[in-house]
Amino acid sequence: ESGGGLVQPGGSLTLSCSASGSSINGYDMRWYRQA
């Protein structure tokens, strides 16, 4: 994962997830978070 950072309320960020080692075509994908 990449793209995280510090942002003020109301702001925006874009996170990216890169996979390697196999095609992802047949996979489902999720974002989770942990406070």
Full PDB file with SEQRES, HELIX, SHEET, SSBOND, CRYST1, ORIGX, SCALE, CONECT and MASTER records, all heavy atoms in Angstrom:
SEQRES   1 A   35  GLU SER GLY GLY GLY LEU VAL GLN PRO GLY GLY SER LEU          
SEQRES   2 A   35  THR LEU SER CYS SER ALA SER GLY SER SER ILE ASN GLY          
SEQRES   3 A   35  TYR ASP MET ARG TRP TYR ARG GLN ALA                          
CRYST1    1.000    1.000    1.000  90.00  90.00  90.00 P 1           1          
ORIGX1      1.000000  0.000000  0.000000        0.00000                         
ORIGX2      0.000000  1.000000  0.000000        0.00000                         
ORIGX3      0.000000  0.000000  1.000000        0.00000                         
SCALE1      1.000000  0.000000  0.000000        0.00000                         
SCALE2      0.000000  1.000000  0.000000        0.00000                         
SCALE3      0.000000  0.000000  1.000000        0.00000                         
ATOM      1  N   GLU A   1       0.835  -1.192   0.000  1.00  0.00           N  
ATOM      2  CA  GLU A   1       0.000   0.000   0.000  1.00  0.00           C  
ATOM      3  C   GLU A   1       0.874   1.247   0.000  1.00  0.00           C  
ATOM      4  O   GLU A   1       1.991   1.231   0.521  1.00  0.00           O  
ATOM      5  CB  GLU A   1      -0.921   0.046   1.230  1.00  0.00           C  
ATOM      6  CG  GLU A   1      -1.839  -1.151   1.388  1.00  0.00           C  
ATOM      7  CD  GLU A   1      -1.254  -2.217   2.290  1.00  0.00           C  
ATOM      8  OE1 GLU A   1      -0.024  -2.236   2.482  1.00  0.00           O  
ATOM      9  OE2 GLU A   1      -2.038  -3.037   2.814  1.00  0.00           O  
ATOM     10  N   SER A   2       0.339   2.326  -0.540  1.00  0.00           N  
ATOM     11  CA  SER A   2       1.033   3.601  -0.523  1.00  0.00           C  
ATOM     12  C   SER A   2       0.012   4.725  -0.612  1.00  0.00           C  
ATOM     13  O   SER A   2      -1.153   4.496  -0.917  1.00  0.00           O  
ATOM     14  CB  SER A   2       2.046   3.701  -1.667  1.00  0.00           C  
ATOM     15  OG  SER A   2       1.401   3.633  -2.925  1.00  0.00           O  
ATOM     16  N   GLY A   3       0.465   5.943  -0.345  1.00  0.00           N  
ATOM     17  CA  GLY A   3      -0.373   7.115  -0.512  1.00  0.00           C  
ATOM     18  C   GLY A   3      -0.896   7.733   0.763  1.00  0.00           C  
ATOM     19  O   GLY A   3      -1.538   8.788   0.717  1.00  0.00           O  
ATOM     20  N   GLY A   4      -0.641   7.112   1.897  1.00  0.00           N  
ATOM     21  CA  GLY A   4      -1.102   7.667   3.149  1.00  0.00           C  
ATOM     22  C   GLY A   4      -0.340   8.924   3.526  1.00  0.00           C  
ATOM     23  O   GLY A   4       0.671   9.271   2.925  1.00  0.00           O  
ATOM     24  N   GLY A   5      -0.853   9.606   4.533  1.00  0.00           N  
ATOM     25  CA  GLY A   5      -0.213  10.820   4.991  1.00  0.00           C  
ATOM     26  C   GLY A   5      -1.086  11.583   5.954  1.00  0.00           C  
ATOM     27  O   GLY A   5      -2.106  11.079   6.427  1.00  0.00           O  
ATOM     28  N   LEU A   6      -0.679  12.806   6.241  1.00  0.00           N  
ATOM     29  CA  LEU A   6      -1.401  13.697   7.137  1.00  0.00           C  
ATOM     30  C   LEU A   6      -2.218  14.679   6.313  1.00  0.00           C  
ATOM     31  O   LEU A   6      -1.691  15.328   5.403  1.00  0.00           O  
ATOM     32  CB  LEU A   6      -0.422  14.447   8.036  1.00  0.00           C  
ATOM     33  CG  LEU A   6      -1.000  15.521   8.955  1.00  0.00           C  
ATOM     34  CD1 LEU A   6      -1.945  14.905   9.970  1.00  0.00           C  
ATOM     35  CD2 LEU A   6       0.126  16.270   9.646  1.00  0.00           C  
ATOM     36  N   VAL A   7      -3.491  14.789   6.633  1.00  0.00           N  
ATOM     37  CA  VAL A   7      -4.375  15.684   5.902  1.00  0.00           C  
ATOM     38  C   VAL A   7      -5.351  16.330   6.881  1.00  0.00           C  
ATOM     39  O   VAL A   7      -5.722  15.727   7.893  1.00  0.00           O  
ATOM     40  CB  VAL A   7      -5.128  14.922   4.787  1.00  0.00           C  
ATOM     41  CG1 VAL A   7      -6.042  13.860   5.380  1.00  0.00           C  
ATOM     42  CG2 VAL A   7      -5.897  15.876   3.895  1.00  0.00           C  
ATOM     43  N   GLN A   8      -5.751  17.550   6.593  1.00  0.00           N  
ATOM     44  CA  GLN A   8      -6.718  18.241   7.433  1.00  0.00           C  
ATOM     45  C   GLN A   8      -8.129  17.733   7.169  1.00  0.00           C  
ATOM     46  O   GLN A   8      -8.421  17.222   6.083  1.00  0.00           O  
ATOM     47  CB  GLN A   8      -6.664  19.744   7.183  1.00  0.00           C  
ATOM     48  CG  GLN A   8      -5.369  20.395   7.623  1.00  0.00           C  
ATOM     49  CD  GLN A   8      -5.397  21.904   7.477  1.00  0.00           C  
ATOM     50  OE1 GLN A   8      -6.284  22.464   6.841  1.00  0.00           O  
ATOM     51  NE2 GLN A   8      -4.425  22.571   8.075  1.00  0.00           N  
ATOM     52  N   PRO A   9      -9.016  17.836   8.146  1.00  0.00           N  
ATOM     53  CA  PRO A   9     -10.409  17.466   7.900  1.00  0.00           C  
ATOM     54  C   PRO A   9     -10.966  18.185   6.679  1.00  0.00           C  
ATOM     55  O   PRO A   9     -10.729  19.376   6.478  1.00  0.00           O  
ATOM     56  CB  PRO A   9     -11.121  17.900   9.181  1.00  0.00           C  
ATOM     57  CG  PRO A   9     -10.060  17.840  10.228  1.00  0.00           C  
ATOM     58  CD  PRO A   9      -8.789  18.264   9.536  1.00  0.00           C  
ATOM     59  N   GLY A  10     -11.695  17.437   5.865  1.00  0.00           N  
ATOM     60  CA  GLY A  10     -12.221  17.966   4.626  1.00  0.00           C  
ATOM     61  C   GLY A  10     -11.313  17.773   3.436  1.00  0.00           C  
ATOM     62  O   GLY A  10     -11.734  18.003   2.297  1.00  0.00           O  
ATOM     63  N   GLY A  11     -10.100  17.345   3.678  1.00  0.00           N  
ATOM     64  CA  GLY A  11      -9.144  17.137   2.613  1.00  0.00           C  
ATOM     65  C   GLY A  11      -9.307  15.793   1.934  1.00  0.00           C  
ATOM     66  O   GLY A  11     -10.216  15.024   2.240  1.00  0.00           O  
ATOM     67  N   SER A  12      -8.393  15.509   1.016  1.00  0.00           N  
ATOM     68  CA  SER A  12      -8.458  14.300   0.210  1.00  0.00           C  
ATOM     69  C   SER A  12      -7.117  13.595   0.160  1.00  0.00           C  
ATOM     70  O   SER A  12      -6.058  14.225   0.253  1.00  0.00           O  
ATOM     71  CB  SER A  12      -8.889  14.625  -1.223  1.00  0.00           C  
ATOM     72  OG  SER A  12     -10.182  15.204  -1.262  1.00  0.00           O  
ATOM     73  N   LEU A  13      -7.175  12.294   0.012  1.00  0.00           N  
ATOM     74  CA  LEU A  13      -6.012  11.458  -0.227  1.00  0.00           C  
ATOM     75  C   LEU A  13      -6.417  10.334  -1.165  1.00  0.00           C  
ATOM     76  O   LEU A  13      -7.575   9.918  -1.176  1.00  0.00           O  
ATOM     77  CB  LEU A  13      -5.465  10.848   1.064  1.00  0.00           C  
ATOM     78  CG  LEU A  13      -4.646  11.711   2.016  1.00  0.00           C  
ATOM     79  CD1 LEU A  13      -4.349  10.922   3.287  1.00  0.00           C  
ATOM     80  CD2 LEU A  13      -3.356  12.173   1.366  1.00  0.00           C  
ATOM     81  N   THR A  14      -5.458   9.840  -1.921  1.00  0.00           N  
ATOM     82  CA  THR A  14      -5.668   8.667  -2.749  1.00  0.00           C  
ATOM     83  C   THR A  14      -4.674   7.590  -2.351  1.00  0.00           C  
ATOM     84  O   THR A  14      -3.465   7.807  -2.396  1.00  0.00           O  
ATOM     85  CB  THR A  14      -5.505   8.994  -4.240  1.00  0.00           C  
ATOM     86  OG1 THR A  14      -6.455   9.984  -4.627  1.00  0.00           O  
ATOM     87  CG2 THR A  14      -5.745   7.741  -5.077  1.00  0.00           C  
ATOM     88  N   LEU A  15      -5.184   6.449  -1.945  1.00  0.00           N  
ATOM     89  CA  LEU A  15      -4.358   5.320  -1.582  1.00  0.00           C  
ATOM     90  C   LEU A  15      -4.241   4.377  -2.767  1.00  0.00           C  
ATOM     91  O   LEU A  15      -5.169   4.230  -3.557  1.00  0.00           O  
ATOM     92  CB  LEU A  15      -4.956   4.562  -0.398  1.00  0.00           C  
ATOM     93  CG  LEU A  15      -5.265   5.378   0.850  1.00  0.00           C  
ATOM     94  CD1 LEU A  15      -5.782   4.458   1.947  1.00  0.00           C  
ATOM     95  CD2 LEU A  15      -4.042   6.153   1.319  1.00  0.00           C  
ATOM     96  N   SER A  16      -3.088   3.732  -2.864  1.00  0.00           N  
ATOM     97  CA  SER A  16      -2.853   2.764  -3.919  1.00  0.00           C  
ATOM     98  C   SER A  16      -2.415   1.441  -3.321  1.00  0.00           C  
ATOM     99  O   SER A  16      -1.734   1.398  -2.295  1.00  0.00           O  
ATOM    100  CB  SER A  16      -1.781   3.266  -4.893  1.00  0.00           C  
ATOM    101  OG  SER A  16      -2.212   4.419  -5.578  1.00  0.00           O  
ATOM    102  N   CYS A  17      -2.798   0.376  -3.974  1.00  0.00           N  
ATOM    103  CA  CYS A  17      -2.392  -0.970  -3.610  1.00  0.00           C  
ATOM    104  C   CYS A  17      -1.818  -1.625  -4.850  1.00  0.00           C  
ATOM    105  O   CYS A  17      -2.494  -1.710  -5.879  1.00  0.00           O  
ATOM    106  CB  CYS A  17      -3.583  -1.765  -3.081  1.00  0.00           C  
ATOM    107  SG  CYS A  17      -3.263  -3.524  -2.829  1.00  0.00           S  
ATOM    108  N   SER A  18      -0.591  -2.076  -4.751  1.00  0.00           N  
ATOM    109  CA  SER A  18       0.073  -2.734  -5.867  1.00  0.00           C  
ATOM    110  C   SER A  18       0.328  -4.192  -5.521  1.00  0.00           C  
ATOM    111  O   SER A  18       0.822  -4.495  -4.436  1.00  0.00           O  
ATOM    112  CB  SER A  18       1.391  -2.043  -6.197  1.00  0.00           C  
ATOM    113  OG  SER A  18       1.183  -0.718  -6.624  1.00  0.00           O  
ATOM    114  N   ALA A  19       0.014  -5.062  -6.445  1.00  0.00           N  
ATOM    115  CA  ALA A  19       0.214  -6.492  -6.260  1.00  0.00           C  
ATOM    116  C   ALA A  19       1.212  -7.010  -7.280  1.00  0.00           C  
ATOM    117  O   ALA A  19       1.242  -6.560  -8.424  1.00  0.00           O  
ATOM    118  CB  ALA A  19      -1.101  -7.250  -6.392  1.00  0.00           C  
ATOM    119  N   SER A  20       2.010  -7.949  -6.856  1.00  0.00           N  
ATOM    120  CA  SER A  20       2.966  -8.573  -7.758  1.00  0.00           C  
ATOM    121  C   SER A  20       3.052 -10.060  -7.452  1.00  0.00           C  
ATOM    122  O   SER A  20       2.684 -10.515  -6.371  1.00  0.00           O  
ATOM    123  CB  SER A  20       4.349  -7.926  -7.630  1.00  0.00           C  
ATOM    124  OG  SER A  20       4.867  -8.077  -6.321  1.00  0.00           O  
ATOM    125  N   GLY A  21       3.545 -10.814  -8.416  1.00  0.00           N  
ATOM    126  CA  GLY A  21       3.716 -12.247  -8.239  1.00  0.00           C  
ATOM    127  C   GLY A  21       2.667 -13.091  -8.931  1.00  0.00           C  
ATOM    128  O   GLY A  21       2.896 -14.284  -9.165  1.00  0.00           O  
ATOM    129  N   SER A  22       1.532 -12.494  -9.243  1.00  0.00           N  
ATOM    130  CA  SER A  22       0.455 -13.202  -9.907  1.00  0.00           C  
ATOM    131  C   SER A  22      -0.541 -12.202 -10.457  1.00  0.00           C  
ATOM    132  O   SER A  22      -0.661 -11.090  -9.946  1.00  0.00           O  
ATOM    133  CB  SER A  22      -0.239 -14.162  -8.934  1.00  0.00           C  
ATOM    134  OG  SER A  22      -1.287 -14.862  -9.574  1.00  0.00           O  
ATOM    135  N   SER A  23      -1.266 -12.588 -11.464  1.00  0.00           N  
ATOM    136  CA  SER A  23      -2.350 -11.767 -11.980  1.00  0.00           C  
ATOM    137  C   SER A  23      -3.438 -11.630 -10.923  1.00  0.00           C  
ATOM    138  O   SER A  23      -3.741 -12.573 -10.198  1.00  0.00           O  
ATOM    139  CB  SER A  23      -2.931 -12.391 -13.248  1.00  0.00           C  
ATOM    140  OG  SER A  23      -4.110 -11.729 -13.638  1.00  0.00           O  
ATOM    141  N   ILE A  24      -4.038 -10.438 -10.846  1.00  0.00           N  
ATOM    142  CA  ILE A  24      -5.115 -10.213  -9.892  1.00  0.00           C  
ATOM    143  C   ILE A  24      -6.483 -10.348 -10.531  1.00  0.00           C  
ATOM    144  O   ILE A  24      -7.499 -10.119  -9.874  1.00  0.00           O  
ATOM    145  CB  ILE A  24      -5.002  -8.826  -9.226  1.00  0.00           C  
ATOM    146  CG1 ILE A  24      -5.218  -7.706 -10.255  1.00  0.00           C  
ATOM    147  CG2 ILE A  24      -3.660  -8.664  -8.528  1.00  0.00           C  
ATOM    148  CD1 ILE A  24      -5.406  -6.338  -9.624  1.00  0.00           C  
ATOM    149  N   ASN A  25      -6.529 -10.731 -11.784  1.00  0.00           N  
ATOM    150  CA  ASN A  25      -7.789 -10.732 -12.528  1.00  0.00           C  
ATOM    151  C   ASN A  25      -8.895 -11.519 -11.836  1.00  0.00           C  
ATOM    152  O   ASN A  25     -10.055 -11.107 -11.842  1.00  0.00           O  
ATOM    153  CB  ASN A  25      -7.573 -11.294 -13.932  1.00  0.00           C  
ATOM    154  CG  ASN A  25      -6.741 -10.399 -14.814  1.00  0.00           C  
ATOM    155  OD1 ASN A  25      -6.179  -9.396 -14.371  1.00  0.00           O  
ATOM    156  ND2 ASN A  25      -6.650 -10.771 -16.087  1.00  0.00           N  
ATOM    157  N   GLY A  26      -8.556 -12.651 -11.250  1.00  0.00           N  
ATOM    158  CA  GLY A  26      -9.547 -13.520 -10.641  1.00  0.00           C  
ATOM    159  C   GLY A  26      -9.792 -13.297  -9.164  1.00  0.00           C  
ATOM    160  O   GLY A  26     -10.546 -14.060  -8.553  1.00  0.00           O  
ATOM    161  N   TYR A  27      -9.180 -12.282  -8.592  1.00  0.00           N  
ATOM    162  CA  TYR A  27      -9.297 -12.016  -7.166  1.00  0.00           C  
ATOM    163  C   TYR A  27     -10.279 -10.898  -6.867  1.00  0.00           C  
ATOM    164  O   TYR A  27     -10.410  -9.948  -7.642  1.00  0.00           O  
ATOM    165  CB  TYR A  27      -7.945 -11.626  -6.570  1.00  0.00           C  
ATOM    166  CG  TYR A  27      -6.942 -12.743  -6.505  1.00  0.00           C  
ATOM    167  CD1 TYR A  27      -6.017 -12.930  -7.527  1.00  0.00           C  
ATOM    168  CD2 TYR A  27      -6.910 -13.601  -5.410  1.00  0.00           C  
ATOM    169  CE1 TYR A  27      -5.092 -13.951  -7.468  1.00  0.00           C  
ATOM    170  CE2 TYR A  27      -5.980 -14.622  -5.344  1.00  0.00           C  
ATOM    171  CZ  TYR A  27      -5.070 -14.799  -6.372  1.00  0.00           C  
ATOM    172  OH  TYR A  27      -4.146 -15.806  -6.301  1.00  0.00           O  
ATOM    173  N   ASP A  28     -10.947 -11.022  -5.737  1.00  0.00           N  
ATOM    174  CA  ASP A  28     -11.660  -9.899  -5.163  1.00  0.00           C  
ATOM    175  C   ASP A  28     -10.689  -9.106  -4.296  1.00  0.00           C  
ATOM    176  O   ASP A  28      -9.707  -9.644  -3.795  1.00  0.00           O  
ATOM    177  CB  ASP A  28     -12.839 -10.374  -4.318  1.00  0.00           C  
ATOM    178  CG  ASP A  28     -13.909 -11.066  -5.137  1.00  0.00           C  
ATOM    179  OD1 ASP A  28     -13.899 -10.935  -6.381  1.00  0.00           O  
ATOM    180  OD2 ASP A  28     -14.770 -11.741  -4.542  1.00  0.00           O  
ATOM    181  N   MET A  29     -10.987  -7.833  -4.110  1.00  0.00           N  
ATOM    182  CA  MET A  29     -10.076  -6.967  -3.380  1.00  0.00           C  
ATOM    183  C   MET A  29     -10.856  -6.103  -2.405  1.00  0.00           C  
ATOM    184  O   MET A  29     -11.983  -5.712  -2.677  1.00  0.00           O  
ATOM    185  CB  MET A  29      -9.272  -6.083  -4.346  1.00  0.00           C  
ATOM    186  CG  MET A  29      -8.545  -6.862  -5.432  1.00  0.00           C  
ATOM    187  SD  MET A  29      -7.636  -5.824  -6.603  1.00  0.00           S  
ATOM    188  CE  MET A  29      -6.205  -5.374  -5.601  1.00  0.00           C  
ATOM    189  N   ARG A  30     -10.228  -5.805  -1.271  1.00  0.00           N  
ATOM    190  CA  ARG A  30     -10.856  -5.001  -0.235  1.00  0.00           C  
ATOM    191  C   ARG A  30      -9.861  -4.004   0.344  1.00  0.00           C  
ATOM    192  O   ARG A  30      -8.667  -4.255   0.371  1.00  0.00           O  
ATOM    193  CB  ARG A  30     -11.358  -5.869   0.930  1.00  0.00           C  
ATOM    194  CG  ARG A  30     -12.422  -6.889   0.602  1.00  0.00           C  
ATOM    195  CD  ARG A  30     -12.797  -7.605   1.883  1.00  0.00           C  
ATOM    196  NE  ARG A  30     -13.813  -8.627   1.708  1.00  0.00           N  
ATOM    197  CZ  ARG A  30     -13.656  -9.902   2.055  1.00  0.00           C  
ATOM    198  NH1 ARG A  30     -12.521 -10.315   2.593  1.00  0.00           N  
ATOM    199  NH2 ARG A  30     -14.651 -10.760   1.867  1.00  0.00           N  
ATOM    200  N   TRP A  31     -10.390  -2.908   0.815  1.00  0.00           N  
ATOM    201  CA  TRP A  31      -9.666  -2.011   1.692  1.00  0.00           C  
ATOM    202  C   TRP A  31     -10.213  -2.167   3.105  1.00  0.00           C  
ATOM    203  O   TRP A  31     -11.430  -2.158   3.300  1.00  0.00           O  
ATOM    204  CB  TRP A  31      -9.798  -0.545   1.269  1.00  0.00           C  
ATOM    205  CG  TRP A  31      -8.972  -0.161   0.088  1.00  0.00           C  
ATOM    206  CD1 TRP A  31      -9.388  -0.002  -1.193  1.00  0.00           C  
ATOM    207  CD2 TRP A  31      -7.572   0.137   0.096  1.00  0.00           C  
ATOM    208  NE1 TRP A  31      -8.343   0.370  -1.996  1.00  0.00           N  
ATOM    209  CE2 TRP A  31      -7.216   0.469  -1.229  1.00  0.00           C  
ATOM    210  CE3 TRP A  31      -6.587   0.163   1.089  1.00  0.00           C  
ATOM    211  CZ2 TRP A  31      -5.907   0.810  -1.594  1.00  0.00           C  
ATOM    212  CZ3 TRP A  31      -5.295   0.499   0.728  1.00  0.00           C  
ATOM    213  CH2 TRP A  31      -4.974   0.814  -0.596  1.00  0.00           C  
ATOM    214  N   TYR A  32      -9.324  -2.311   4.062  1.00  0.00           N  
ATOM    215  CA  TYR A  32      -9.644  -2.301   5.478  1.00  0.00           C  
ATOM    216  C   TYR A  32      -8.903  -1.142   6.131  1.00  0.00           C  
ATOM    217  O   TYR A  32      -7.943  -0.606   5.582  1.00  0.00           O  
ATOM    218  CB  TYR A  32      -9.223  -3.603   6.158  1.00  0.00           C  
ATOM    219  CG  TYR A  32     -10.124  -4.786   5.910  1.00  0.00           C  
ATOM    220  CD1 TYR A  32     -10.058  -5.492   4.714  1.00  0.00           C  
ATOM    221  CD2 TYR A  32     -11.027  -5.212   6.878  1.00  0.00           C  
ATOM    222  CE1 TYR A  32     -10.871  -6.586   4.494  1.00  0.00           C  
ATOM    223  CE2 TYR A  32     -11.841  -6.308   6.667  1.00  0.00           C  
ATOM    224  CZ  TYR A  32     -11.758  -6.994   5.469  1.00  0.00           C  
ATOM    225  OH  TYR A  32     -12.560  -8.088   5.257  1.00  0.00           O  
ATOM    226  N   ARG A  33      -9.347  -0.779   7.320  1.00  0.00           N  
ATOM    227  CA  ARG A  33      -8.612   0.196   8.108  1.00  0.00           C  
ATOM    228  C   ARG A  33      -8.682  -0.185   9.578  1.00  0.00           C  
ATOM    229  O   ARG A  33      -9.598  -0.872  10.011  1.00  0.00           O  
ATOM    230  CB  ARG A  33      -9.149   1.620   7.904  1.00  0.00           C  
ATOM    231  CG  ARG A  33     -10.554   1.847   8.435  1.00  0.00           C  
ATOM    232  CD  ARG A  33     -11.051   3.232   8.040  1.00  0.00           C  
ATOM    233  NE  ARG A  33     -12.388   3.497   8.527  1.00  0.00           N  
ATOM    234  CZ  ARG A  33     -13.116   4.546   8.178  1.00  0.00           C  
ATOM    235  NH1 ARG A  33     -12.616   5.448   7.330  1.00  0.00           N  
ATOM    236  NH2 ARG A  33     -14.333   4.707   8.684  1.00  0.00           N  
ATOM    237  N   GLN A  34      -7.705   0.277  10.310  1.00  0.00           N  
ATOM    238  CA  GLN A  34      -7.632  -0.010  11.734  1.00  0.00           C  
ATOM    239  C   GLN A  34      -7.261   1.264  12.478  1.00  0.00           C  
ATOM    240  O   GLN A  34      -6.153   1.780  12.331  1.00  0.00           O  
ATOM    241  CB  GLN A  34      -6.622  -1.115  12.026  1.00  0.00           C  
ATOM    242  CG  GLN A  34      -6.625  -1.582  13.466  1.00  0.00           C  
ATOM    243  CD  GLN A  34      -5.833  -2.867  13.654  1.00  0.00           C  
ATOM    244  OE1 GLN A  34      -4.975  -3.202  12.844  1.00  0.00           O  
ATOM    245  NE2 GLN A  34      -6.129  -3.590  14.713  1.00  0.00           N  
ATOM    246  N   ALA A  35      -8.196   1.769  13.253  1.00  0.00           N  
ATOM    247  CA  ALA A  35      -7.949   2.942  14.076  1.00  0.00           C  
ATOM    248  C   ALA A  35      -7.209   2.529  15.339  1.00  0.00           C  
ATOM    249  O   ALA A  35      -7.283   1.369  15.767  1.00  0.00           O  
ATOM    250  CB  ALA A  35      -9.263   3.628  14.424  1.00  0.00           C  
TER     251      ALA A  35                                                      
MASTER        0    0    0    0    0    0    0    6  250    1    0    3          
END                                                                             
